[in-house]
């Protein structure tokens, strides 16, 4: 779960949890970092098994963690579902 504690990775997961592939350039723009930093974050998510890399540098959520397409943004971790569309109560 420490993987989800990183705000950058959480932002990326919120974007890709719908199952649509996203490129490294779009990830970099989304989180406001360099392409190299975005690649490192995506590599971390792939190594953890949360994401898979498709053709080229396009990534998507691993099918085993994807919830139904019409469901809210969430990750199905098996023992729990992590909602990603909830606002921070700050």
N, C-alpha and C. Protein backbone atom coordinates (compact mmCIF):
# COMPACT_ATOMS: atom_id res chain seq x y z
N UNK A 1 0.81 -1.19 0.00
CA UNK A 1 0.00 0.00 0.00
C UNK A 1 0.86 1.27 0.00
N UNK A 2 2.13 1.15 0.35
CA UNK A 2 2.99 2.34 0.32
C UNK A 2 3.12 2.88 -1.10
N UNK A 3 2.88 2.01 -2.07
CA UNK A 3 2.91 2.42 -3.47
C UNK A 3 1.87 3.51 -3.73
N UNK A 4 0.74 3.42 -3.05
CA UNK A 4 -0.35 4.39 -3.23
C UNK A 4 -0.15 5.65 -2.40
N UNK A 5 0.86 5.68 -1.55
CA UNK A 5 1.11 6.84 -0.72
C UNK A 5 1.77 7.99 -1.49
N UNK A 6 2.34 7.68 -2.64
CA UNK A 6 2.99 8.70 -3.46
C UNK A 6 1.92 9.44 -4.27
N UNK A 7 1.81 10.73 -4.06
CA UNK A 7 0.78 11.52 -4.72
C UNK A 7 0.90 11.47 -6.25
N UNK A 8 2.11 11.44 -6.75
CA UNK A 8 2.32 11.37 -8.20
C UNK A 8 1.76 10.08 -8.77
N UNK A 9 2.09 8.95 -8.13
CA UNK A 9 1.57 7.66 -8.62
C UNK A 9 0.06 7.57 -8.46
N UNK A 10 -0.46 8.14 -7.40
CA UNK A 10 -1.91 8.14 -7.19
C UNK A 10 -2.61 8.94 -8.28
N UNK A 11 -2.05 10.07 -8.68
CA UNK A 11 -2.60 10.88 -9.77
C UNK A 11 -2.60 10.09 -11.07
N UNK A 12 -1.51 9.38 -11.33
CA UNK A 12 -1.41 8.56 -12.54
C UNK A 12 -2.47 7.46 -12.51
N UNK A 13 -2.60 6.78 -11.38
CA UNK A 13 -3.58 5.71 -11.28
C UNK A 13 -5.01 6.21 -11.47
N UNK A 14 -5.29 7.41 -10.95
CA UNK A 14 -6.62 7.99 -11.14
C UNK A 14 -6.93 8.17 -12.62
N UNK A 15 -5.93 8.51 -13.38
CA UNK A 15 -6.11 8.76 -14.81
C UNK A 15 -6.26 7.45 -15.60
N UNK A 16 -5.51 6.44 -15.25
CA UNK A 16 -5.52 5.23 -16.07
C UNK A 16 -6.42 4.12 -15.54
N UNK A 17 -7.06 4.31 -14.39
CA UNK A 17 -7.86 3.22 -13.82
C UNK A 17 -9.08 2.87 -14.68
N UNK A 18 -9.42 3.69 -15.65
CA UNK A 18 -10.54 3.39 -16.53
C UNK A 18 -10.16 2.33 -17.57
N UNK A 19 -8.88 2.03 -17.70
CA UNK A 19 -8.43 1.02 -18.66
C UNK A 19 -7.92 1.60 -19.96
N UNK A 20 -8.10 2.89 -20.17
CA UNK A 20 -7.59 3.52 -21.39
C UNK A 20 -6.08 3.66 -21.31
N UNK A 21 -5.36 3.30 -22.36
CA UNK A 21 -3.90 3.45 -22.33
C UNK A 21 -3.48 4.92 -22.35
N UNK A 22 -2.35 5.17 -21.75
CA UNK A 22 -1.82 6.54 -21.70
C UNK A 22 -0.32 6.47 -21.97
N UNK A 23 0.16 7.43 -22.74
CA UNK A 23 1.58 7.49 -23.07
C UNK A 23 2.38 8.23 -22.02
N UNK A 24 3.68 8.01 -22.05
CA UNK A 24 4.57 8.66 -21.09
C UNK A 24 4.49 10.18 -21.19
N UNK A 25 4.40 10.71 -22.41
CA UNK A 25 4.30 12.16 -22.57
C UNK A 25 3.07 12.72 -21.89
N UNK A 26 1.95 12.02 -22.00
CA UNK A 26 0.71 12.46 -21.35
C UNK A 26 0.82 12.35 -19.83
N UNK A 27 1.51 11.32 -19.37
CA UNK A 27 1.72 11.17 -17.92
C UNK A 27 2.56 12.33 -17.40
N UNK A 28 3.63 12.66 -18.14
CA UNK A 28 4.51 13.77 -17.73
C UNK A 28 3.73 15.07 -17.65
N UNK A 29 2.88 15.32 -18.64
CA UNK A 29 2.09 16.54 -18.65
C UNK A 29 1.07 16.54 -17.50
N UNK A 30 0.47 15.39 -17.25
CA UNK A 30 -0.54 15.25 -16.20
C UNK A 30 0.02 15.58 -14.82
N UNK A 31 1.20 15.07 -14.53
CA UNK A 31 1.78 15.26 -13.19
C UNK A 31 2.80 16.38 -13.13
N UNK A 32 3.09 16.99 -14.27
CA UNK A 32 4.02 18.13 -14.28
C UNK A 32 5.46 17.74 -14.01
N UNK A 33 5.93 16.73 -14.72
CA UNK A 33 7.31 16.30 -14.54
C UNK A 33 7.94 16.03 -15.91
N UNK A 34 9.19 15.64 -15.91
CA UNK A 34 9.88 15.33 -17.16
C UNK A 34 9.45 13.94 -17.65
N UNK A 35 9.72 13.67 -18.91
CA UNK A 35 9.43 12.35 -19.46
C UNK A 35 10.19 11.25 -18.74
N UNK A 36 11.42 11.55 -18.36
CA UNK A 36 12.24 10.58 -17.64
C UNK A 36 11.63 10.24 -16.27
N UNK A 37 11.18 11.26 -15.57
CA UNK A 37 10.56 11.04 -14.26
C UNK A 37 9.25 10.28 -14.41
N UNK A 38 8.49 10.59 -15.46
CA UNK A 38 7.23 9.88 -15.71
C UNK A 38 7.50 8.41 -16.02
N UNK A 39 8.54 8.15 -16.81
CA UNK A 39 8.91 6.76 -17.12
C UNK A 39 9.28 6.00 -15.86
N UNK A 40 10.00 6.65 -14.96
CA UNK A 40 10.39 6.01 -13.70
C UNK A 40 9.16 5.66 -12.87
N UNK A 41 8.20 6.57 -12.79
CA UNK A 41 6.97 6.30 -12.04
C UNK A 41 6.20 5.14 -12.66
N UNK A 42 6.11 5.13 -13.99
CA UNK A 42 5.39 4.06 -14.66
C UNK A 42 6.11 2.72 -14.48
N UNK A 43 7.42 2.74 -14.53
CA UNK A 43 8.20 1.51 -14.32
C UNK A 43 7.92 0.95 -12.91
N UNK A 44 7.82 1.85 -11.93
CA UNK A 44 7.51 1.43 -10.56
C UNK A 44 6.14 0.76 -10.50
N UNK A 45 5.15 1.35 -11.19
CA UNK A 45 3.80 0.78 -11.20
C UNK A 45 3.77 -0.55 -11.95
N UNK A 46 4.55 -0.68 -13.01
CA UNK A 46 4.63 -1.94 -13.76
C UNK A 46 5.29 -3.02 -12.90
N UNK A 47 6.40 -2.67 -12.26
CA UNK A 47 7.11 -3.64 -11.41
C UNK A 47 6.25 -4.12 -10.26
N UNK A 48 5.36 -3.25 -9.78
CA UNK A 48 4.45 -3.62 -8.69
C UNK A 48 3.26 -4.44 -9.21
N UNK A 49 3.10 -4.48 -10.53
CA UNK A 49 2.02 -5.25 -11.12
C UNK A 49 0.71 -4.50 -11.29
N UNK A 50 0.68 -3.22 -10.90
CA UNK A 50 -0.56 -2.44 -11.02
C UNK A 50 -0.83 -2.00 -12.45
N UNK A 51 0.22 -1.84 -13.24
CA UNK A 51 0.08 -1.40 -14.63
C UNK A 51 0.79 -2.38 -15.55
N UNK A 52 0.40 -2.35 -16.81
CA UNK A 52 1.08 -3.13 -17.83
C UNK A 52 1.47 -2.19 -18.96
N UNK A 53 2.58 -2.52 -19.62
CA UNK A 53 3.02 -1.71 -20.75
C UNK A 53 2.57 -2.39 -22.03
N UNK A 54 1.94 -1.61 -22.88
CA UNK A 54 1.50 -2.13 -24.16
C UNK A 54 2.52 -1.77 -25.23
N UNK A 55 2.05 -1.62 -26.45
CA UNK A 55 2.94 -1.25 -27.55
C UNK A 55 3.52 0.14 -27.32
N UNK A 56 4.77 0.27 -27.63
CA UNK A 56 5.43 1.56 -27.43
C UNK A 56 5.51 1.87 -25.95
N UNK A 57 5.38 3.12 -25.64
CA UNK A 57 5.43 3.54 -24.24
C UNK A 57 4.03 3.88 -23.74
N UNK A 58 3.06 3.04 -24.05
CA UNK A 58 1.70 3.23 -23.58
C UNK A 58 1.42 2.25 -22.45
N UNK A 59 0.80 2.76 -21.41
CA UNK A 59 0.53 1.97 -20.23
C UNK A 59 -0.96 1.99 -19.93
N UNK A 60 -1.41 0.94 -19.24
CA UNK A 60 -2.79 0.89 -18.76
C UNK A 60 -2.82 0.10 -17.46
N UNK A 61 -3.94 0.17 -16.78
CA UNK A 61 -4.08 -0.55 -15.53
C UNK A 61 -4.08 -2.05 -15.82
N UNK A 62 -3.46 -2.83 -14.97
CA UNK A 62 -3.46 -4.29 -15.15
C UNK A 62 -4.90 -4.79 -15.05
N UNK A 63 -5.32 -5.66 -15.97
CA UNK A 63 -6.71 -6.13 -16.00
C UNK A 63 -7.21 -6.69 -14.67
N UNK A 64 -6.34 -7.33 -13.91
CA UNK A 64 -6.80 -7.93 -12.64
C UNK A 64 -7.22 -6.89 -11.61
N UNK A 65 -6.79 -5.63 -11.77
CA UNK A 65 -7.14 -4.58 -10.81
C UNK A 65 -8.24 -3.65 -11.32
N UNK A 66 -8.65 -3.85 -12.54
CA UNK A 66 -9.65 -2.97 -13.14
C UNK A 66 -11.05 -3.35 -12.68
N UNK A 67 -11.83 -2.35 -12.31
CA UNK A 67 -13.22 -2.57 -11.94
C UNK A 67 -14.07 -2.43 -13.20
N UNK A 68 -15.36 -2.63 -13.09
CA UNK A 68 -16.26 -2.51 -14.24
C UNK A 68 -16.13 -1.13 -14.88
N UNK A 69 -16.22 -1.06 -16.21
CA UNK A 69 -16.04 0.21 -16.92
C UNK A 69 -17.00 1.32 -16.47
N UNK A 70 -18.20 0.98 -16.02
CA UNK A 70 -19.15 1.99 -15.60
C UNK A 70 -19.05 2.33 -14.12
N UNK A 71 -18.12 1.69 -13.41
CA UNK A 71 -17.93 1.94 -11.99
C UNK A 71 -17.12 3.21 -11.77
N UNK A 72 -17.16 3.75 -10.55
CA UNK A 72 -16.34 4.93 -10.26
C UNK A 72 -14.86 4.58 -10.38
N UNK A 73 -14.04 5.61 -10.45
CA UNK A 73 -12.59 5.38 -10.54
C UNK A 73 -12.14 4.63 -9.29
N UNK A 74 -11.62 3.43 -9.51
CA UNK A 74 -11.24 2.59 -8.38
C UNK A 74 -10.28 1.50 -8.85
N UNK A 75 -9.61 0.90 -7.88
CA UNK A 75 -8.76 -0.26 -8.10
C UNK A 75 -9.31 -1.40 -7.27
N UNK A 76 -9.49 -2.56 -7.87
CA UNK A 76 -9.95 -3.74 -7.15
C UNK A 76 -8.73 -4.54 -6.74
N UNK A 77 -8.35 -4.46 -5.48
CA UNK A 77 -7.15 -5.13 -4.99
C UNK A 77 -7.46 -6.54 -4.50
N UNK A 78 -8.67 -7.01 -4.72
CA UNK A 78 -9.05 -8.35 -4.29
C UNK A 78 -9.65 -8.36 -2.90
N UNK A 79 -8.89 -7.94 -1.92
CA UNK A 79 -9.37 -7.91 -0.54
C UNK A 79 -10.08 -6.59 -0.22
N UNK A 80 -9.92 -5.59 -1.08
CA UNK A 80 -10.62 -4.32 -0.91
C UNK A 80 -10.63 -3.58 -2.25
N UNK A 81 -11.54 -2.62 -2.35
CA UNK A 81 -11.60 -1.76 -3.53
C UNK A 81 -11.18 -0.37 -3.07
N UNK A 82 -10.18 0.18 -3.72
CA UNK A 82 -9.68 1.52 -3.38
C UNK A 82 -10.33 2.52 -4.31
N UNK A 83 -11.15 3.41 -3.76
CA UNK A 83 -11.80 4.45 -4.56
C UNK A 83 -10.79 5.57 -4.82
N UNK A 84 -10.67 5.97 -6.08
CA UNK A 84 -9.72 7.02 -6.46
C UNK A 84 -10.42 8.32 -6.82
N UNK A 85 -11.74 8.35 -6.73
CA UNK A 85 -12.47 9.55 -7.12
C UNK A 85 -12.94 10.36 -5.91
N UNK A 86 -12.47 10.03 -4.72
CA UNK A 86 -12.87 10.72 -3.50
C UNK A 86 -11.96 11.93 -3.31
N UNK A 87 -12.55 13.07 -2.99
CA UNK A 87 -11.80 14.30 -2.77
C UNK A 87 -11.05 14.24 -1.43
N UNK A 88 -9.88 14.83 -1.41
CA UNK A 88 -9.09 14.93 -0.19
C UNK A 88 -9.80 15.89 0.76
N UNK A 89 -10.03 15.50 2.03
CA UNK A 89 -10.78 16.35 2.95
C UNK A 89 -10.01 17.52 3.52
N UNK A 90 -8.88 17.88 2.96
CA UNK A 90 -8.06 18.99 3.50
C UNK A 90 -8.85 20.22 3.71
